[in-house]
Amino acid sequence: MPIIYPDSVTDLDALVEWARIDDPADRERMRELTLEAEARRGAAVYGNRVVDCVTGDDIAIGDVAFRARPLSRLFKPGMTIYPYVATCGREMAEYGVGLTDPLERYWWDIIMQGAVGAARKALFAAIEREAGYAPTSVSPGSIEMWPINNQPSLFALIGDVEGMIGVTITESFLMLPLKSVSGICFPGGGGFTHNCCLCERKVCAGRQAPFDAKLKAQLEGELIHM
């Protein structure tokens, strides 16, 4: 499975703005932390799999079977999908544990968020080059119709995620390091453009697409009448 590393994990000016740093001494300390981060870059890994069968809400891919709404209405047999995991990395997470200053720990948390974002961006670029199109992504636990307990099945589609990039799953299906993201990239279609279009949360700084009540009702309606 391809392992992707970002060219850079930090943008000092962007991080300073994100953290709202004005003091020159604080900016210098943030610069030192970004240098530490560059030595501990995160990574991402993805797989290239083909959907074998879709029956009701159930999806079968090789020896992995899982239940996923709305993917059971968006995936088709023969479709190529790209399950992925991206992370800030264990080394970066462990370095943050050693910071004792609360403000520095807050800054490091921002740096880790930037790092996982950089890893995910590099990953999506690699998938786009391979697939030949800009893929749509959906993540377990991000929408009600695909609960987070599908996380182990997603990892199984990729393989030894822990061995490749150091990410594990807890009993409650959270990923460690915490600054990690997972999902499946696919061609999209059916009006689905992003997790966010099925999420009704009214206040969310990370929203990337407007809520589509009609699409959600359509998918739920199809599921009810099967």
C-alpha atoms as a PDB file:
ATOM      1  CA  MET A   1       0.000   0.000   0.000  1.00  0.00           C
ATOM      2  CA  PRO A   2       1.390   3.437  -0.897  1.00  0.00           C
ATOM      3  CA  ILE A   3       2.633   5.516   2.045  1.00  0.00           C
ATOM      4  CA  ILE A   4       2.490   9.263   1.434  1.00  0.00           C
ATOM      5  CA  TYR A   5       4.590  11.903   3.211  1.00  0.00           C
ATOM      6  CA  PRO A   6       3.847  15.638   2.905  1.00  0.00           C
ATOM      7  CA  ASP A   7       6.591  17.903   1.556  1.00  0.00           C
ATOM      8  CA  SER A   8       6.093  20.152   4.578  1.00  0.00           C
ATOM      9  CA  VAL A   9       3.866  20.025   7.625  1.00  0.00           C
ATOM     10  CA  THR A  10       4.006  23.643   8.687  1.00  0.00           C
ATOM     11  CA  ASP A  11       3.407  27.156   7.432  1.00  0.00           C
ATOM     12  CA  LEU A  12       4.730  29.489  10.129  1.00  0.00           C
ATOM     13  CA  ASP A  13       2.738  32.547   9.053  1.00  0.00           C
ATOM     14  CA  ALA A  14      -0.489  30.534   8.852  1.00  0.00           C
ATOM     15  CA  LEU A  15       0.131  28.927  12.250  1.00  0.00           C
ATOM     16  CA  VAL A  16       0.914  32.284  13.851  1.00  0.00           C
ATOM     17  CA  GLU A  17      -2.338  33.680  12.476  1.00  0.00           C
ATOM     18  CA  TRP A  18      -4.269  30.585  13.572  1.00  0.00           C
ATOM     19  CA  ALA A  19      -2.858  30.857  17.107  1.00  0.00           C
ATOM     20  CA  ARG A  20      -3.305  34.668  17.124  1.00  0.00           C
ATOM     21  CA  ILE A  21       0.289  35.294  18.159  1.00  0.00           C
ATOM     22  CA  ASP A  22       1.403  38.926  18.299  1.00  0.00           C
ATOM     23  CA  ASP A  23       4.367  38.902  20.676  1.00  0.00           C
ATOM     24  CA  PRO A  24       7.760  38.573  18.871  1.00  0.00           C
ATOM     25  CA  ALA A  25       9.083  36.201  21.549  1.00  0.00           C
ATOM     26  CA  ASP A  26       6.040  33.962  21.163  1.00  0.00           C
ATOM     27  CA  ARG A  27       6.447  34.002  17.391  1.00  0.00           C
ATOM     28  CA  GLU A  28      10.072  32.905  17.776  1.00  0.00           C
ATOM     29  CA  ARG A  29       9.034  30.048  20.049  1.00  0.00           C
ATOM     30  CA  MET A  30       6.404  28.994  17.519  1.00  0.00           C
ATOM     31  CA  ARG A  31       9.104  29.023  14.853  1.00  0.00           C
ATOM     32  CA  GLU A  32      11.216  26.692  17.022  1.00  0.00           C
ATOM     33  CA  LEU A  33       8.247  24.370  17.456  1.00  0.00           C
ATOM     34  CA  THR A  34       7.596  24.274  13.722  1.00  0.00           C
ATOM     35  CA  LEU A  35      11.204  23.179  13.189  1.00  0.00           C
ATOM     36  CA  GLU A  36      10.598  20.356  15.660  1.00  0.00           C
ATOM     37  CA  ALA A  37       7.477  19.438  13.721  1.00  0.00           C
ATOM     38  CA  GLU A  38       9.322  19.341  10.398  1.00  0.00           C
ATOM     39  CA  ALA A  39      11.591  16.678  11.903  1.00  0.00           C
ATOM     40  CA  ARG A  40       8.533  14.621  12.886  1.00  0.00           C
ATOM     41  CA  ARG A  41       6.293  14.724   9.850  1.00  0.00           C
ATOM     42  CA  GLY A  42       3.114  12.713   9.726  1.00  0.00           C
ATOM     43  CA  ALA A  43       2.122  10.339   6.957  1.00  0.00           C
ATOM     44  CA  ALA A  44      -0.811   8.765   5.170  1.00  0.00           C
ATOM     45  CA  VAL A  45      -1.542   5.390   3.621  1.00  0.00           C
ATOM     46  CA  TYR A  46      -4.246   4.270   1.233  1.00  0.00           C
ATOM     47  CA  GLY A  47      -5.439   1.170  -0.557  1.00  0.00           C
ATOM     48  CA  ASN A  48      -6.880   0.552  -4.000  1.00  0.00           C
ATOM     49  CA  ARG A  49      -9.862  -1.804  -3.722  1.00  0.00           C
ATOM     50  CA  VAL A  50     -12.778  -2.870  -5.925  1.00  0.00           C
ATOM     51  CA  VAL A  51     -16.329  -3.210  -4.619  1.00  0.00           C
ATOM     52  CA  ASP A  52     -17.475  -6.805  -5.115  1.00  0.00           C
ATOM     53  CA  CYS A  53     -21.074  -6.749  -3.965  1.00  0.00           C
ATOM     54  CA  VAL A  54     -23.705  -4.395  -2.538  1.00  0.00           C
ATOM     55  CA  THR A  55     -26.722  -6.043  -0.899  1.00  0.00           C
ATOM     56  CA  GLY A  56     -29.125  -3.797   0.955  1.00  0.00           C
ATOM     57  CA  ASP A  57     -26.981  -1.847   3.409  1.00  0.00           C
ATOM     58  CA  ASP A  58     -24.103  -4.341   3.231  1.00  0.00           C
ATOM     59  CA  ILE A  59     -20.954  -3.891   1.174  1.00  0.00           C
ATOM     60  CA  ALA A  60     -18.473  -6.685   0.416  1.00  0.00           C
ATOM     61  CA  ILE A  61     -14.916  -5.942  -0.702  1.00  0.00           C
ATOM     62  CA  GLY A  62     -12.727  -9.027  -0.850  1.00  0.00           C
ATOM     63  CA  ASP A  63     -12.922 -10.703   2.566  1.00  0.00           C
ATOM     64  CA  VAL A  64     -14.100  -7.501   4.270  1.00  0.00           C
ATOM     65  CA  ALA A  65     -17.820  -6.885   4.786  1.00  0.00           C
ATOM     66  CA  PHE A  66     -19.331  -3.839   6.441  1.00  0.00           C
ATOM     67  CA  ARG A  67     -22.592  -1.918   6.706  1.00  0.00           C
ATOM     68  CA  ALA A  68     -22.413   1.706   5.636  1.00  0.00           C
ATOM     69  CA  ARG A  69     -25.051   4.270   4.900  1.00  0.00           C
ATOM     70  CA  PRO A  70     -25.123   6.120   2.544  1.00  0.00           C
ATOM     71  CA  LEU A  71     -22.244   4.231   0.882  1.00  0.00           C
ATOM     72  CA  SER A  72     -24.541   1.287   0.146  1.00  0.00           C
ATOM     73  CA  ARG A  73     -26.479   3.642  -2.163  1.00  0.00           C
ATOM     74  CA  LEU A  74     -23.422   5.355  -3.626  1.00  0.00           C
ATOM     75  CA  PHE A  75     -21.111   2.379  -4.219  1.00  0.00           C
ATOM     76  CA  LYS A  76     -21.632   0.056  -7.185  1.00  0.00           C
ATOM     77  CA  PRO A  77     -20.133  -3.387  -7.883  1.00  0.00           C
ATOM     78  CA  GLY A  78     -16.918  -2.963  -9.857  1.00  0.00           C
ATOM     79  CA  MET A  79     -16.284   0.549  -8.510  1.00  0.00           C
ATOM     80  CA  THR A  80     -12.717   1.298  -7.432  1.00  0.00           C
ATOM     81  CA  ILE A  81     -12.467   2.926  -4.007  1.00  0.00           C
ATOM     82  CA  TYR A  82      -9.544   4.226  -1.961  1.00  0.00           C
ATOM     83  CA  PRO A  83      -9.693   3.635   1.819  1.00  0.00           C
ATOM     84  CA  TYR A  84      -7.178   5.825   3.661  1.00  0.00           C
ATOM     85  CA  VAL A  85      -5.744   6.895   7.003  1.00  0.00           C
ATOM     86  CA  ALA A  86      -3.713  10.083   7.545  1.00  0.00           C
ATOM     87  CA  THR A  87      -1.986  11.099  10.763  1.00  0.00           C
ATOM     88  CA  CYS A  88       0.272  13.628  12.440  1.00  0.00           C
ATOM     89  CA  GLY A  89       2.373  10.616  13.474  1.00  0.00           C
ATOM     90  CA  ARG A  90       3.404   9.041  16.751  1.00  0.00           C
ATOM     91  CA  GLU A  91       6.625  11.021  17.043  1.00  0.00           C
ATOM     92  CA  MET A  92       4.776  14.313  16.816  1.00  0.00           C
ATOM     93  CA  ALA A  93       2.135  13.217  19.329  1.00  0.00           C
ATOM     94  CA  GLU A  94       4.785  11.963  21.783  1.00  0.00           C
ATOM     95  CA  TYR A  95       6.752  15.207  21.549  1.00  0.00           C
ATOM     96  CA  GLY A  96       3.649  17.145  22.559  1.00  0.00           C
ATOM     97  CA  VAL A  97       3.252  15.037  25.711  1.00  0.00           C
ATOM     98  CA  GLY A  98       6.666  16.282  26.855  1.00  0.00           C
ATOM     99  CA  LEU A  99       5.701  19.953  26.654  1.00  0.00           C
ATOM    100  CA  THR A 100       4.906  21.376  30.100  1.00  0.00           C
ATOM    101  CA  ASP A 101       3.875  24.935  29.255  1.00  0.00           C
ATOM    102  CA  PRO A 102       0.061  25.002  28.650  1.00  0.00           C
ATOM    103  CA  LEU A 103       0.387  27.644  25.956  1.00  0.00           C
ATOM    104  CA  GLU A 104       3.044  25.657  24.105  1.00  0.00           C
ATOM    105  CA  ARG A 105       0.892  22.540  24.326  1.00  0.00           C
ATOM    106  CA  TYR A 106      -1.941  24.534  22.757  1.00  0.00           C
ATOM    107  CA  TRP A 107       0.367  25.714  19.977  1.00  0.00           C
ATOM    108  CA  TRP A 108       1.602  22.168  19.428  1.00  0.00           C
ATOM    109  CA  ASP A 109      -1.989  20.966  19.135  1.00  0.00           C
ATOM    110  CA  ILE A 110      -2.492  23.514  16.347  1.00  0.00           C
ATOM    111  CA  ILE A 111       0.718  22.310  14.675  1.00  0.00           C
ATOM    112  CA  MET A 112      -0.496  18.690  14.840  1.00  0.00           C
ATOM    113  CA  GLN A 113      -3.801  19.689  13.259  1.00  0.00           C
ATOM    114  CA  GLY A 114      -1.854  21.374  10.483  1.00  0.00           C
ATOM    115  CA  ALA A 115       0.320  18.270  10.108  1.00  0.00           C
ATOM    116  CA  VAL A 116      -2.550  15.843   9.665  1.00  0.00           C
ATOM    117  CA  GLY A 117      -4.127  18.305   7.232  1.00  0.00           C
ATOM    118  CA  ALA A 118      -0.901  18.393   5.203  1.00  0.00           C
ATOM    119  CA  ALA A 119      -0.723  14.584   5.175  1.00  0.00           C
ATOM    120  CA  ARG A 120      -4.348  14.359   4.026  1.00  0.00           C
ATOM    121  CA  LYS A 121      -3.776  16.954   1.300  1.00  0.00           C
ATOM    122  CA  ALA A 122      -0.760  15.043  -0.028  1.00  0.00           C
ATOM    123  CA  LEU A 123      -2.768  11.813   0.129  1.00  0.00           C
ATOM    124  CA  PHE A 124      -5.676  13.239  -1.863  1.00  0.00           C
ATOM    125  CA  ALA A 125      -3.276  14.565  -4.486  1.00  0.00           C
ATOM    126  CA  ALA A 126      -1.749  11.087  -4.843  1.00  0.00           C
ATOM    127  CA  ILE A 127      -5.187   9.451  -5.160  1.00  0.00           C
ATOM    128  CA  GLU A 128      -6.242  12.048  -7.741  1.00  0.00           C
ATOM    129  CA  ARG A 129      -3.156  11.275  -9.825  1.00  0.00           C
ATOM    130  CA  GLU A 130      -3.895   7.552  -9.669  1.00  0.00           C
ATOM    131  CA  ALA A 131      -7.653   7.761 -10.175  1.00  0.00           C
ATOM    132  CA  GLY A 132      -7.590  10.522 -12.786  1.00  0.00           C
ATOM    133  CA  TYR A 133     -10.262  12.601 -11.032  1.00  0.00           C
ATOM    134  CA  ALA A 134     -10.742  14.585  -7.829  1.00  0.00           C
ATOM    135  CA  PRO A 135     -12.267  12.027  -5.451  1.00  0.00           C
ATOM    136  CA  THR A 136     -15.095  12.496  -2.979  1.00  0.00           C
ATOM    137  CA  SER A 137     -14.432  11.412   0.604  1.00  0.00           C
ATOM    138  CA  VAL A 138     -16.610  10.061   3.421  1.00  0.00           C
ATOM    139  CA  SER A 139     -15.442   9.126   6.930  1.00  0.00           C
ATOM    140  CA  PRO A 140     -16.885   6.687   9.510  1.00  0.00           C
ATOM    141  CA  GLY A 141     -18.458   8.491  12.436  1.00  0.00           C
ATOM    142  CA  SER A 142     -18.701  11.774  10.558  1.00  0.00           C
ATOM    143  CA  ILE A 143     -22.321  11.173   9.580  1.00  0.00           C
ATOM    144  CA  GLU A 144     -25.097   9.296  11.384  1.00  0.00           C
ATOM    145  CA  MET A 145     -25.649   6.883   8.503  1.00  0.00           C
ATOM    146  CA  TRP A 146     -22.088   5.507   8.736  1.00  0.00           C
ATOM    147  CA  PRO A 147     -21.268   4.911  12.436  1.00  0.00           C
ATOM    148  CA  ILE A 148     -17.741   4.917  13.807  1.00  0.00           C
ATOM    149  CA  ASN A 149     -17.875   1.201  14.665  1.00  0.00           C
ATOM    150  CA  ASN A 150     -17.064   0.593  10.985  1.00  0.00           C
ATOM    151  CA  GLN A 151     -13.537   1.835  11.658  1.00  0.00           C
ATOM    152  CA  PRO A 152     -11.995  -1.673  11.998  1.00  0.00           C
ATOM    153  CA  SER A 153     -13.445  -2.699   8.629  1.00  0.00           C
ATOM    154  CA  LEU A 154     -11.937   0.383   6.996  1.00  0.00           C
ATOM    155  CA  PHE A 155      -8.527  -0.454   8.479  1.00  0.00           C
ATOM    156  CA  ALA A 156      -8.907  -4.043   7.264  1.00  0.00           C
ATOM    157  CA  LEU A 157      -9.351  -2.755   3.715  1.00  0.00           C
ATOM    158  CA  ILE A 158      -5.896  -1.172   3.938  1.00  0.00           C
ATOM    159  CA  GLY A 159      -3.938  -3.765   5.913  1.00  0.00           C
ATOM    160  CA  ASP A 160      -1.395  -3.240   8.688  1.00  0.00           C
ATOM    161  CA  VAL A 161      -2.041   0.457   9.280  1.00  0.00           C
ATOM    162  CA  GLU A 162      -0.184   0.376  12.593  1.00  0.00           C
ATOM    163  CA  GLY A 163       2.892  -1.155  10.994  1.00  0.00           C
ATOM    164  CA  MET A 164       2.840   1.285   8.086  1.00  0.00           C
ATOM    165  CA  ILE A 165       2.122   4.635   9.779  1.00  0.00           C
ATOM    166  CA  GLY A 166       1.678   3.844  13.488  1.00  0.00           C
ATOM    167  CA  VAL A 167      -2.082   4.414  13.841  1.00  0.00           C
ATOM    168  CA  THR A 168      -4.148   2.129  16.087  1.00  0.00           C
ATOM    169  CA  ILE A 169      -7.833   1.890  17.057  1.00  0.00           C
ATOM    170  CA  THR A 170      -9.091   1.918  20.647  1.00  0.00           C
ATOM    171  CA  GLU A 171     -11.981  -0.191  21.977  1.00  0.00           C
ATOM    172  CA  SER A 172     -14.230   2.835  21.481  1.00  0.00           C
ATOM    173  CA  PHE A 173     -13.060   3.068  17.825  1.00  0.00           C
ATOM    174  CA  LEU A 174     -11.033   6.260  18.268  1.00  0.00           C
ATOM    175  CA  MET A 175      -7.713   6.465  16.485  1.00  0.00           C
ATOM    176  CA  LEU A 176      -4.360   6.990  18.183  1.00  0.00           C
ATOM    177  CA  PRO A 177      -2.654   9.385  17.663  1.00  0.00           C
ATOM    178  CA  LEU A 178      -5.802  11.434  18.126  1.00  0.00           C
ATOM    179  CA  LYS A 179      -4.780  13.796  15.323  1.00  0.00           C
ATOM    180  CA  SER A 180      -5.575  11.189  12.680  1.00  0.00           C
ATOM    181  CA  VAL A 181      -8.313  10.956  10.065  1.00  0.00           C
ATOM    182  CA  SER A 182      -9.697   8.064   8.046  1.00  0.00           C
ATOM    183  CA  GLY A 183     -12.157   7.585   5.239  1.00  0.00           C
ATOM    184  CA  ILE A 184     -12.857   6.260   1.779  1.00  0.00           C
ATOM    185  CA  CYS A 185     -12.347   8.198  -1.440  1.00  0.00           C
ATOM    186  CA  PHE A 186     -14.605   7.297  -4.366  1.00  0.00           C
ATOM    187  CA  PRO A 187     -15.936   8.868  -7.585  1.00  0.00           C
ATOM    188  CA  GLY A 188     -18.924  10.490  -5.876  1.00  0.00           C
ATOM    189  CA  GLY A 189     -22.262  10.933  -7.590  1.00  0.00           C
ATOM    190  CA  GLY A 190     -25.906  10.887  -6.622  1.00  0.00           C
ATOM    191  CA  GLY A 191     -25.636  14.448  -5.349  1.00  0.00           C
ATOM    192  CA  PHE A 192     -23.167  13.459  -2.608  1.00  0.00           C
ATOM    193  CA  THR A 193     -20.162  15.767  -2.494  1.00  0.00           C
ATOM    194  CA  HIS A 194     -18.900  15.549   1.103  1.00  0.00           C
ATOM    195  CA  ASN A 195     -19.707  14.217   4.586  1.00  0.00           C
ATOM    196  CA  CYS A 196     -21.018  17.666   5.419  1.00  0.00           C
ATOM    197  CA  CYS A 197     -23.919  17.524   2.986  1.00  0.00           C
ATOM    198  CA  LEU A 198     -25.608  14.949   5.248  1.00  0.00           C
ATOM    199  CA  CYS A 199     -24.720  16.631   8.557  1.00  0.00           C
ATOM    200  CA  GLU A 200     -27.296  18.879  10.229  1.00  0.00           C
ATOM    201  CA  ARG A 201     -24.895  20.505  12.707  1.00  0.00           C
ATOM    202  CA  LYS A 202     -25.617  24.217  12.452  1.00  0.00           C
ATOM    203  CA  VAL A 203     -22.331  25.546  13.874  1.00  0.00           C
ATOM    204  CA  CYS A 204     -19.154  23.886  12.608  1.00  0.00           C
ATOM    205  CA  ALA A 205     -15.896  25.605  11.719  1.00  0.00           C
ATOM    206  CA  GLY A 206     -14.848  22.640   9.579  1.00  0.00           C
ATOM    207  CA  ARG A 207     -17.922  22.538   7.330  1.00  0.00           C
ATOM    208  CA  GLN A 208     -16.955  22.082   3.675  1.00  0.00           C
ATOM    209  CA  ALA A 209     -20.373  21.692   2.051  1.00  0.00           C
ATOM    210  CA  PRO A 210     -23.900  22.900   2.922  1.00  0.00           C
ATOM    211  CA  PHE A 211     -26.387  20.480   4.463  1.00  0.00           C
ATOM    212  CA  ASP A 212     -28.609  18.918   1.783  1.00  0.00           C
ATOM    213  CA  ALA A 213     -31.900  17.975   3.445  1.00  0.00           C
ATOM    214  CA  LYS A 214     -33.354  16.669   0.184  1.00  0.00           C
ATOM    215  CA  LEU A 215     -30.439  14.292  -0.403  1.00  0.00           C
ATOM    216  CA  LYS A 216     -30.555  12.992   3.165  1.00  0.00           C
ATOM    217  CA  ALA A 217     -34.310  12.398   2.962  1.00  0.00           C
ATOM    218  CA  GLN A 218     -33.861  10.637  -0.383  1.00  0.00           C
ATOM    219  CA  LEU A 219     -31.204   8.274   0.958  1.00  0.00           C
ATOM    220  CA  GLU A 220     -33.131   7.565   4.147  1.00  0.00           C
ATOM    221  CA  GLY A 221     -36.316   7.035   2.141  1.00  0.00           C
ATOM    222  CA  GLU A 222     -34.685   4.484  -0.121  1.00  0.00           C
ATOM    223  CA  LEU A 223     -33.361   2.645   2.909  1.00  0.00           C
ATOM    224  CA  ILE A 224     -36.787   2.596   4.599  1.00  0.00           C
ATOM    225  CA  HIS A 225     -38.619   1.227   1.549  1.00  0.00           C
ATOM    226  CA  MET A 226     -36.227  -1.596   0.687  1.00  0.00           C
END
